[in-house]
């Protein structure tokens, strides 16, 4: 398990006083109101930043960081991830998992066939979609619905699935 979780991506500067437009990668954008600090992945190191203020505009979060008062400094970090400590994460409900914790798990059918590792999880409007890496650079897309995702075993790093007709 990773110690830090991504909550957003810095997309651009907002205004001239060091505010940053953040594309949220979390299900709960209001969670930014409760955050006191984040880590900016600069590409060389993780830079701890204190959050001074939070605003929301359309699908973006606008953050102002303490000690950053210049648009040019924000622009240097375009497309960089914002991370939080795992203990600052929103508590998960029953049958909820962080995507990064499931990547690489073995995906096995209810008939015992090992399909391959979980490569990614796509977040869509209706339900998430599990992307399974198959041999020969192929992928299998499985909807994250109770009829398909039967069990997730964190300790065994295994996801048991049922393939509905037409999924292959």
N, C-alpha and C. Protein backbone atom coordinates (compact mmCIF):
# COMPACT_ATOMS: atom_id res chain seq x y z
N UNK A 1 0.83 -1.18 0.00
CA UNK A 1 0.00 0.00 0.00
C UNK A 1 0.87 1.24 0.00
N UNK A 2 0.41 2.22 -0.71
CA UNK A 2 1.15 3.47 -0.80
C UNK A 2 0.87 4.33 0.43
N UNK A 3 1.90 5.09 0.87
CA UNK A 3 1.76 5.96 2.03
C UNK A 3 0.97 7.22 1.71
N UNK A 4 1.03 7.63 0.45
CA UNK A 4 0.34 8.86 0.05
C UNK A 4 -0.61 8.57 -1.10
N UNK A 5 -1.68 9.34 -1.15
CA UNK A 5 -2.72 9.17 -2.16
C UNK A 5 -2.90 10.45 -2.94
N UNK A 6 -3.11 10.31 -4.25
CA UNK A 6 -3.32 11.48 -5.10
C UNK A 6 -4.75 11.99 -4.94
N UNK A 7 -4.88 13.31 -4.73
CA UNK A 7 -6.20 13.92 -4.63
C UNK A 7 -6.46 14.91 -5.75
N UNK A 8 -5.42 15.24 -6.51
CA UNK A 8 -5.62 16.20 -7.59
C UNK A 8 -4.37 16.39 -8.43
N UNK A 9 -4.57 17.13 -9.52
CA UNK A 9 -3.47 17.48 -10.42
C UNK A 9 -3.51 18.99 -10.63
N UNK A 10 -2.37 19.64 -10.43
CA UNK A 10 -2.26 21.08 -10.64
C UNK A 10 -2.28 21.33 -12.15
N UNK A 11 -3.28 22.06 -12.63
CA UNK A 11 -3.42 22.26 -14.07
C UNK A 11 -2.87 23.59 -14.56
N UNK A 12 -3.00 24.64 -13.72
CA UNK A 12 -2.54 25.96 -14.16
C UNK A 12 -2.64 26.94 -12.99
N UNK A 13 -2.08 28.11 -13.22
CA UNK A 13 -2.23 29.19 -12.25
C UNK A 13 -3.62 29.80 -12.40
N UNK A 14 -4.12 30.37 -11.31
CA UNK A 14 -5.41 31.06 -11.33
C UNK A 14 -5.16 32.48 -10.83
N UNK A 15 -5.25 33.42 -11.70
CA UNK A 15 -4.97 34.80 -11.31
C UNK A 15 -3.47 35.06 -11.21
N UNK A 16 -3.11 36.15 -10.53
CA UNK A 16 -1.69 36.54 -10.47
C UNK A 16 -1.09 36.44 -9.07
N UNK A 17 -1.88 35.98 -8.09
CA UNK A 17 -1.40 35.98 -6.71
C UNK A 17 -1.03 34.60 -6.18
N UNK A 18 -0.73 33.67 -7.06
CA UNK A 18 -0.24 32.36 -6.63
C UNK A 18 -1.30 31.31 -6.37
N UNK A 19 -2.52 31.56 -6.80
CA UNK A 19 -3.55 30.53 -6.67
C UNK A 19 -3.37 29.49 -7.78
N UNK A 20 -3.82 28.26 -7.51
CA UNK A 20 -3.64 27.17 -8.46
C UNK A 20 -4.97 26.51 -8.78
N UNK A 21 -5.20 26.23 -10.06
CA UNK A 21 -6.34 25.43 -10.49
C UNK A 21 -5.96 23.97 -10.32
N UNK A 22 -6.80 23.23 -9.62
CA UNK A 22 -6.56 21.82 -9.35
C UNK A 22 -7.68 21.00 -9.94
N UNK A 23 -7.32 20.00 -10.74
CA UNK A 23 -8.32 19.03 -11.21
C UNK A 23 -8.40 17.94 -10.15
N UNK A 24 -9.56 17.79 -9.48
CA UNK A 24 -9.64 16.80 -8.40
C UNK A 24 -9.69 15.37 -8.93
N UNK A 25 -8.97 14.49 -8.25
CA UNK A 25 -8.99 13.07 -8.60
C UNK A 25 -9.56 12.27 -7.43
N UNK A 26 -10.41 12.91 -6.67
CA UNK A 26 -11.07 12.30 -5.53
C UNK A 26 -12.57 12.35 -5.76
N UNK A 27 -13.29 11.42 -5.17
CA UNK A 27 -14.74 11.38 -5.33
C UNK A 27 -15.43 12.53 -4.61
N UNK A 28 -14.82 13.03 -3.55
CA UNK A 28 -15.43 14.05 -2.71
C UNK A 28 -14.62 15.34 -2.78
N UNK A 29 -14.99 16.26 -3.67
CA UNK A 29 -14.21 17.49 -3.82
C UNK A 29 -14.32 18.39 -2.59
N UNK A 30 -15.38 18.27 -1.83
CA UNK A 30 -15.54 19.09 -0.61
C UNK A 30 -14.48 18.74 0.42
N UNK A 31 -13.80 17.60 0.25
CA UNK A 31 -12.76 17.18 1.19
C UNK A 31 -11.61 18.19 1.24
N UNK A 32 -11.44 18.99 0.18
CA UNK A 32 -10.37 19.98 0.16
C UNK A 32 -10.57 21.04 1.26
N UNK A 33 -11.83 21.28 1.64
CA UNK A 33 -12.12 22.25 2.70
C UNK A 33 -11.51 21.81 4.04
N UNK A 34 -11.36 20.51 4.24
CA UNK A 34 -10.85 19.98 5.51
C UNK A 34 -9.34 19.79 5.52
N UNK A 35 -8.71 19.85 4.34
CA UNK A 35 -7.26 19.63 4.27
C UNK A 35 -6.48 20.84 4.77
N UNK A 36 -5.45 20.58 5.51
CA UNK A 36 -4.56 21.64 5.99
C UNK A 36 -3.28 21.68 5.17
N UNK A 37 -2.87 20.49 4.64
CA UNK A 37 -1.63 20.42 3.87
C UNK A 37 -1.77 19.39 2.77
N UNK A 38 -0.95 19.55 1.74
CA UNK A 38 -0.81 18.58 0.66
C UNK A 38 0.67 18.49 0.32
N UNK A 39 1.01 17.50 -0.47
CA UNK A 39 2.37 17.37 -0.98
C UNK A 39 2.32 17.53 -2.49
N UNK A 40 3.16 18.38 -3.00
CA UNK A 40 3.28 18.60 -4.43
C UNK A 40 4.44 17.76 -4.94
N UNK A 41 4.15 16.87 -5.88
CA UNK A 41 5.20 16.05 -6.50
C UNK A 41 5.86 16.90 -7.57
N UNK A 42 7.04 17.45 -7.27
CA UNK A 42 7.72 18.36 -8.20
C UNK A 42 8.45 17.61 -9.31
N UNK A 43 8.50 16.30 -9.20
CA UNK A 43 9.28 15.51 -10.15
C UNK A 43 10.63 15.13 -9.58
N UNK A 44 11.10 15.91 -8.60
CA UNK A 44 12.37 15.64 -7.94
C UNK A 44 12.18 15.29 -6.47
N UNK A 45 11.12 15.89 -5.89
CA UNK A 45 10.86 15.69 -4.46
C UNK A 45 9.39 15.94 -4.18
N UNK A 46 8.99 15.64 -2.95
CA UNK A 46 7.65 15.99 -2.50
C UNK A 46 7.77 17.25 -1.67
N UNK A 47 7.09 18.29 -2.11
CA UNK A 47 7.13 19.58 -1.42
C UNK A 47 5.86 19.75 -0.59
N UNK A 48 6.01 19.86 0.71
CA UNK A 48 4.87 20.03 1.60
C UNK A 48 4.36 21.46 1.49
N UNK A 49 3.05 21.60 1.24
CA UNK A 49 2.43 22.91 1.08
C UNK A 49 1.25 23.04 2.04
N UNK A 50 1.20 24.15 2.75
CA UNK A 50 0.06 24.44 3.61
C UNK A 50 -1.01 25.15 2.78
N UNK A 51 -2.24 24.74 2.98
CA UNK A 51 -3.36 25.33 2.24
C UNK A 51 -3.88 26.54 3.01
N UNK A 52 -3.89 27.70 2.32
CA UNK A 52 -4.40 28.93 2.91
C UNK A 52 -5.89 29.12 2.66
N UNK A 53 -6.32 28.81 1.43
CA UNK A 53 -7.74 28.97 1.11
C UNK A 53 -8.15 28.00 0.01
N UNK A 54 -9.46 27.74 -0.02
CA UNK A 54 -10.04 26.81 -0.99
C UNK A 54 -11.28 27.45 -1.59
N UNK A 55 -11.38 27.39 -2.93
CA UNK A 55 -12.57 27.85 -3.64
C UNK A 55 -12.91 26.78 -4.68
N UNK A 56 -14.14 26.82 -5.13
CA UNK A 56 -14.59 25.87 -6.15
C UNK A 56 -15.13 26.66 -7.34
N UNK A 57 -14.76 26.22 -8.55
CA UNK A 57 -15.26 26.85 -9.76
C UNK A 57 -15.43 25.77 -10.83
N UNK A 58 -16.67 25.57 -11.24
CA UNK A 58 -17.02 24.53 -12.21
C UNK A 58 -16.51 23.19 -11.70
N UNK A 59 -15.68 22.50 -12.49
CA UNK A 59 -15.18 21.18 -12.06
C UNK A 59 -13.79 21.28 -11.41
N UNK A 60 -13.36 22.48 -11.07
CA UNK A 60 -12.02 22.68 -10.53
C UNK A 60 -12.06 23.13 -9.08
N UNK A 61 -10.94 22.90 -8.40
CA UNK A 61 -10.72 23.42 -7.06
C UNK A 61 -9.61 24.46 -7.19
N UNK A 62 -9.79 25.61 -6.57
CA UNK A 62 -8.78 26.66 -6.60
C UNK A 62 -8.14 26.73 -5.22
N UNK A 63 -6.84 26.43 -5.15
CA UNK A 63 -6.13 26.43 -3.89
C UNK A 63 -5.13 27.57 -3.83
N UNK A 64 -5.01 28.16 -2.66
CA UNK A 64 -3.97 29.15 -2.39
C UNK A 64 -3.07 28.53 -1.32
N UNK A 65 -1.77 28.47 -1.63
CA UNK A 65 -0.80 27.88 -0.72
C UNK A 65 -0.04 28.97 0.03
N UNK A 66 0.24 28.72 1.30
CA UNK A 66 1.02 29.67 2.12
C UNK A 66 2.42 29.81 1.53
N UNK A 67 2.88 31.05 1.40
CA UNK A 67 4.23 31.31 0.92
C UNK A 67 4.40 31.34 -0.58
N UNK A 68 3.34 31.04 -1.33
CA UNK A 68 3.40 31.13 -2.79
C UNK A 68 2.46 32.25 -3.21
N UNK A 69 3.06 33.35 -3.67
CA UNK A 69 2.28 34.52 -4.02
C UNK A 69 2.50 34.95 -5.46
N UNK A 70 3.08 34.07 -6.26
CA UNK A 70 3.48 34.42 -7.62
C UNK A 70 2.93 33.39 -8.61
N UNK A 71 2.27 33.88 -9.62
CA UNK A 71 1.73 33.04 -10.69
C UNK A 71 2.82 32.17 -11.34
N UNK A 72 4.01 32.75 -11.53
CA UNK A 72 5.08 32.03 -12.22
C UNK A 72 5.53 30.79 -11.45
N UNK A 73 5.53 30.86 -10.13
CA UNK A 73 5.92 29.69 -9.35
C UNK A 73 4.92 28.55 -9.52
N UNK A 74 3.64 28.89 -9.57
CA UNK A 74 2.61 27.87 -9.79
C UNK A 74 2.75 27.26 -11.18
N UNK A 75 2.99 28.09 -12.19
CA UNK A 75 3.10 27.62 -13.57
C UNK A 75 4.20 26.56 -13.75
N UNK A 76 5.25 26.63 -12.93
CA UNK A 76 6.34 25.64 -13.02
C UNK A 76 5.87 24.23 -12.71
N UNK A 77 4.76 24.11 -12.01
CA UNK A 77 4.30 22.81 -11.54
C UNK A 77 3.05 22.31 -12.26
N UNK A 78 2.82 22.82 -13.47
CA UNK A 78 1.70 22.34 -14.28
C UNK A 78 1.81 20.83 -14.47
N UNK A 79 0.67 20.15 -14.39
CA UNK A 79 0.53 18.71 -14.60
C UNK A 79 1.17 17.88 -13.50
N UNK A 80 1.45 18.47 -12.36
CA UNK A 80 2.05 17.74 -11.23
C UNK A 80 0.96 17.32 -10.25
N UNK A 81 1.18 16.16 -9.63
CA UNK A 81 0.21 15.59 -8.69
C UNK A 81 0.25 16.27 -7.33
N UNK A 82 -0.93 16.33 -6.71
CA UNK A 82 -1.06 16.72 -5.31
C UNK A 82 -1.41 15.46 -4.52
N UNK A 83 -0.67 15.23 -3.46
CA UNK A 83 -0.83 14.02 -2.66
C UNK A 83 -1.16 14.38 -1.22
N UNK A 84 -1.78 13.42 -0.53
CA UNK A 84 -2.03 13.57 0.89
C UNK A 84 -1.52 12.33 1.61
N UNK A 85 -1.28 12.46 2.91
CA UNK A 85 -0.95 11.29 3.72
C UNK A 85 -2.18 10.40 3.80
N UNK A 86 -1.95 9.10 3.83
CA UNK A 86 -3.06 8.14 3.90
C UNK A 86 -3.98 8.42 5.09
N UNK A 87 -3.40 8.83 6.22
CA UNK A 87 -4.25 9.09 7.40
C UNK A 87 -5.16 10.31 7.22
N UNK A 88 -4.88 11.14 6.23
CA UNK A 88 -5.74 12.29 5.93
C UNK A 88 -6.83 11.95 4.91
N UNK A 89 -6.86 10.71 4.47
CA UNK A 89 -7.83 10.30 3.45
C UNK A 89 -9.23 10.20 4.05
N UNK A 90 -10.22 10.34 3.18
CA UNK A 90 -11.61 10.18 3.58
C UNK A 90 -11.81 8.72 3.99
N UNK A 91 -12.47 8.47 5.12
CA UNK A 91 -12.71 7.08 5.51
C UNK A 91 -13.54 6.35 4.45
N UNK A 92 -13.17 5.11 4.21
CA UNK A 92 -13.87 4.31 3.22
C UNK A 92 -15.04 3.57 3.84
N UNK A 93 -16.08 3.36 3.05
CA UNK A 93 -17.22 2.58 3.50
C UNK A 93 -17.00 1.10 3.21
N UNK A 94 -18.00 0.32 3.53
CA UNK A 94 -17.95 -1.11 3.26
C UNK A 94 -17.82 -1.33 1.74
N UNK A 95 -16.96 -2.24 1.37
CA UNK A 95 -16.73 -2.58 -0.04
C UNK A 95 -16.22 -1.41 -0.87
N UNK A 96 -15.54 -0.46 -0.23
CA UNK A 96 -14.87 0.63 -0.93
C UNK A 96 -13.37 0.48 -0.76
N UNK A 97 -12.63 0.82 -1.82
CA UNK A 97 -11.18 0.67 -1.81
C UNK A 97 -10.55 1.85 -2.54
N UNK A 98 -9.31 2.14 -2.21
CA UNK A 98 -8.57 3.11 -3.00
C UNK A 98 -8.06 2.40 -4.25
N UNK A 99 -8.20 3.05 -5.39
CA UNK A 99 -7.80 2.44 -6.67
C UNK A 99 -6.35 1.98 -6.62
N UNK A 100 -5.47 2.82 -6.08
CA UNK A 100 -4.05 2.47 -6.07
C UNK A 100 -3.77 1.20 -5.28
N UNK A 101 -4.64 0.85 -4.34
CA UNK A 101 -4.44 -0.37 -3.55
C UNK A 101 -4.81 -1.63 -4.32
N UNK A 102 -5.62 -1.50 -5.38
CA UNK A 102 -6.08 -2.66 -6.13
C UNK A 102 -5.26 -2.95 -7.39
N UNK A 103 -4.54 -1.97 -7.88
CA UNK A 103 -3.77 -2.15 -9.11
C UNK A 103 -2.75 -3.28 -8.91
N UNK A 104 -2.71 -4.20 -9.87
CA UNK A 104 -1.80 -5.32 -9.80
C UNK A 104 -2.41 -6.59 -9.21
N UNK A 105 -3.60 -6.49 -8.63
CA UNK A 105 -4.26 -7.67 -8.07
C UNK A 105 -4.57 -8.67 -9.19
N UNK A 106 -4.50 -9.97 -8.88
CA UNK A 106 -4.90 -11.01 -9.83
C UNK A 106 -6.41 -11.01 -9.97
N UNK A 107 -6.89 -11.05 -11.21
CA UNK A 107 -8.32 -11.12 -11.48
C UNK A 107 -8.62 -12.54 -11.94
N UNK A 108 -9.54 -13.19 -11.19
CA UNK A 108 -9.82 -14.62 -11.41
C UNK A 108 -11.33 -14.80 -11.55
N UNK A 109 -11.74 -15.57 -12.55
CA UNK A 109 -13.17 -15.80 -12.78
C UNK A 109 -13.71 -16.78 -11.74
N UNK A 110 -15.04 -16.82 -11.65
CA UNK A 110 -15.70 -17.76 -10.73
C UNK A 110 -15.54 -19.20 -11.21
N UNK A 111 -15.00 -19.39 -12.40
CA UNK A 111 -14.70 -20.73 -12.91
C UNK A 111 -13.24 -21.10 -12.68
N UNK A 112 -12.48 -20.21 -11.99
CA UNK A 112 -11.09 -20.51 -11.65
C UNK A 112 -10.06 -20.08 -12.67
N UNK A 113 -10.47 -19.40 -13.73
CA UNK A 113 -9.53 -18.95 -14.77
C UNK A 113 -8.86 -17.65 -14.35
N UNK A 114 -7.53 -17.66 -14.36
CA UNK A 114 -6.78 -16.44 -14.05
C UNK A 114 -6.71 -15.60 -15.32
N UNK A 115 -7.35 -14.42 -15.28
CA UNK A 115 -7.42 -13.56 -16.46
C UNK A 115 -6.14 -12.72 -16.62
N UNK A 116 -5.64 -12.19 -15.53
CA UNK A 116 -4.48 -11.32 -15.57
C UNK A 116 -4.55 -10.31 -14.44
N UNK A 117 -3.59 -9.41 -14.39
CA UNK A 117 -3.59 -8.41 -13.32
C UNK A 117 -4.53 -7.24 -13.63
N UNK A 118 -5.03 -6.61 -12.57
CA UNK A 118 -5.81 -5.39 -12.72
C UNK A 118 -4.86 -4.28 -13.12
N UNK A 119 -5.13 -3.66 -14.26
CA UNK A 119 -4.25 -2.64 -14.81
C UNK A 119 -4.67 -1.23 -14.42
N UNK A 120 -5.99 -1.01 -14.34
CA UNK A 120 -6.50 0.33 -14.05
C UNK A 120 -7.97 0.21 -13.68
N UNK A 121 -8.51 1.28 -13.11
CA UNK A 121 -9.94 1.38 -12.87
C UNK A 121 -10.39 2.71 -13.45
N UNK A 122 -11.33 2.63 -14.38
CA UNK A 122 -11.86 3.83 -15.02
C UNK A 122 -13.08 4.29 -14.24
N UNK A 123 -13.13 5.58 -13.93
CA UNK A 123 -14.27 6.13 -13.22
C UNK A 123 -15.21 6.74 -14.24
N UNK A 124 -16.40 6.18 -14.32
CA UNK A 124 -17.39 6.67 -15.28
C UNK A 124 -18.59 7.21 -14.49
N UNK A 125 -19.56 7.71 -15.18
CA UNK A 125 -20.73 8.25 -14.50
C UNK A 125 -21.57 7.20 -13.80
N UNK A 126 -21.80 6.08 -14.46
CA UNK A 126 -22.69 5.07 -13.90
C UNK A 126 -21.98 4.19 -12.87
N UNK A 127 -20.87 3.62 -13.24
CA UNK A 127 -20.11 2.74 -12.35
C UNK A 127 -18.66 2.70 -12.83
N UNK A 128 -17.78 2.29 -11.93
CA UNK A 128 -16.38 2.14 -12.33
C UNK A 128 -16.25 0.95 -13.27
N UNK A 129 -15.15 0.93 -14.01
CA UNK A 129 -14.86 -0.17 -14.93
C UNK A 129 -13.45 -0.65 -14.65
N UNK A 130 -13.32 -1.95 -14.36
CA UNK A 130 -12.02 -2.56 -14.09
C UNK A 130 -11.37 -2.93 -15.41
N UNK A 131 -10.10 -2.53 -15.58
CA UNK A 131 -9.35 -2.83 -16.79
C UNK A 131 -8.35 -3.93 -16.44
N UNK A 132 -8.52 -5.10 -17.06
CA UNK A 132 -7.67 -6.25 -16.79
C UNK A 132 -6.71 -6.43 -17.96
N UNK A 133 -5.41 -6.56 -17.65
CA UNK A 133 -4.40 -6.77 -18.69
C UNK A 133 -4.41 -8.24 -19.10
N UNK A 134 -4.65 -8.49 -20.37
CA UNK A 134 -4.65 -9.83 -20.93
C UNK A 134 -3.36 -10.05 -21.73
N UNK A 135 -3.03 -11.31 -22.06
CA UNK A 135 -1.86 -11.55 -22.90
C UNK A 135 -1.96 -10.84 -24.25
N UNK A 136 -0.82 -10.63 -24.87
CA UNK A 136 -0.72 -10.00 -26.19
C UNK A 136 -1.22 -8.56 -26.19
N UNK A 137 -0.96 -7.83 -25.11
CA UNK A 137 -1.33 -6.41 -24.98
C UNK A 137 -2.81 -6.13 -25.18
N UNK A 138 -3.65 -7.08 -24.82
CA UNK A 138 -5.09 -6.88 -24.90
C UNK A 138 -5.62 -6.54 -23.51
N UNK A 139 -6.83 -5.99 -23.48
CA UNK A 139 -7.46 -5.62 -22.22
C UNK A 139 -8.89 -6.15 -22.19
N UNK A 140 -9.36 -6.42 -20.98
CA UNK A 140 -10.74 -6.82 -20.76
C UNK A 140 -11.35 -5.80 -19.83
N UNK A 141 -12.50 -5.25 -20.20
CA UNK A 141 -13.19 -4.26 -19.38
C UNK A 141 -14.35 -4.94 -18.65
N UNK A 142 -14.35 -4.80 -17.32
CA UNK A 142 -15.37 -5.42 -16.49
C UNK A 142 -16.06 -4.34 -15.67
N UNK A 143 -17.38 -4.20 -15.80
CA UNK A 143 -18.07 -3.19 -15.00
C UNK A 143 -18.03 -3.53 -13.51
N UNK A 144 -17.85 -2.52 -12.70
CA UNK A 144 -17.82 -2.73 -11.25
C UNK A 144 -19.24 -2.72 -10.71
N UNK A 145 -19.92 -3.81 -10.97
CA UNK A 145 -21.28 -4.02 -10.46
C UNK A 145 -21.28 -5.33 -9.69
N UNK A 146 -22.23 -5.49 -8.76
CA UNK A 146 -22.23 -6.66 -7.89
C UNK A 146 -22.39 -7.97 -8.65
N UNK A 147 -22.97 -7.93 -9.85
CA UNK A 147 -23.10 -9.15 -10.65
C UNK A 147 -21.76 -9.60 -11.23
N UNK A 148 -20.81 -8.67 -11.36
CA UNK A 148 -19.50 -8.99 -11.97
C UNK A 148 -18.37 -9.08 -10.94
N UNK A 149 -18.30 -8.13 -10.03
CA UNK A 149 -17.22 -8.13 -9.03
C UNK A 149 -17.76 -8.87 -7.81
N UNK A 150 -17.32 -10.11 -7.65
CA UNK A 150 -17.86 -10.97 -6.60
C UNK A 150 -17.17 -10.77 -5.26
N UNK A 151 -15.84 -10.59 -5.29
CA UNK A 151 -15.10 -10.47 -4.04
C UNK A 151 -13.76 -9.80 -4.30
N UNK A 152 -13.35 -8.96 -3.34
CA UNK A 152 -12.02 -8.36 -3.37
C UNK A 152 -11.33 -8.78 -2.09
N UNK A 153 -10.23 -9.52 -2.24
CA UNK A 153 -9.47 -10.02 -1.09
C UNK A 153 -8.15 -9.25 -1.02
N UNK A 154 -8.10 -8.28 -0.11
CA UNK A 154 -6.91 -7.41 0.02
C UNK A 154 -5.68 -8.23 0.40
N UNK A 155 -5.82 -9.16 1.37
CA UNK A 155 -4.67 -9.94 1.83
C UNK A 155 -4.11 -10.83 0.72
N UNK A 156 -4.99 -11.47 -0.04
CA UNK A 156 -4.55 -12.38 -1.12
C UNK A 156 -4.24 -11.63 -2.41
N UNK A 157 -4.53 -10.32 -2.45
CA UNK A 157 -4.34 -9.50 -3.65
C UNK A 157 -5.04 -10.14 -4.84
N UNK A 158 -6.34 -10.38 -4.63
CA UNK A 158 -7.12 -11.12 -5.61
C UNK A 158 -8.52 -10.52 -5.75
N UNK A 159 -9.00 -10.48 -6.99
CA UNK A 159 -10.37 -10.03 -7.27
C UNK A 159 -11.08 -11.17 -8.01
N UNK A 160 -12.17 -11.64 -7.43
CA UNK A 160 -12.98 -12.70 -8.05
C UNK A 160 -14.09 -12.05 -8.85
N UNK A 161 -14.24 -12.48 -10.10
CA UNK A 161 -15.23 -11.87 -10.98
C UNK A 161 -16.09 -12.92 -11.67
N UNK A 162 -17.26 -12.48 -12.10
CA UNK A 162 -18.13 -13.29 -12.95
C UNK A 162 -18.25 -12.52 -14.26
N UNK A 163 -17.94 -13.19 -15.35
CA UNK A 163 -18.04 -12.55 -16.67
C UNK A 163 -19.42 -12.78 -17.26
N UNK A 164 -20.17 -11.70 -17.37
CA UNK A 164 -21.50 -11.78 -17.99
C UNK A 164 -21.34 -12.10 -19.48
N UNK A 165 -22.34 -12.71 -20.08
CA UNK A 165 -22.24 -12.99 -21.51
C UNK A 165 -21.96 -11.72 -22.31
N UNK A 166 -21.03 -11.82 -23.25
CA UNK A 166 -20.69 -10.69 -24.11
C UNK A 166 -19.54 -9.82 -23.63
N UNK A 167 -19.05 -10.05 -22.43
CA UNK A 167 -17.94 -9.24 -21.91
C UNK A 167 -16.59 -9.57 -22.55
N UNK A 168 -16.43 -10.79 -22.99
CA UNK A 168 -15.12 -11.16 -23.57
C UNK A 168 -14.96 -10.60 -24.95
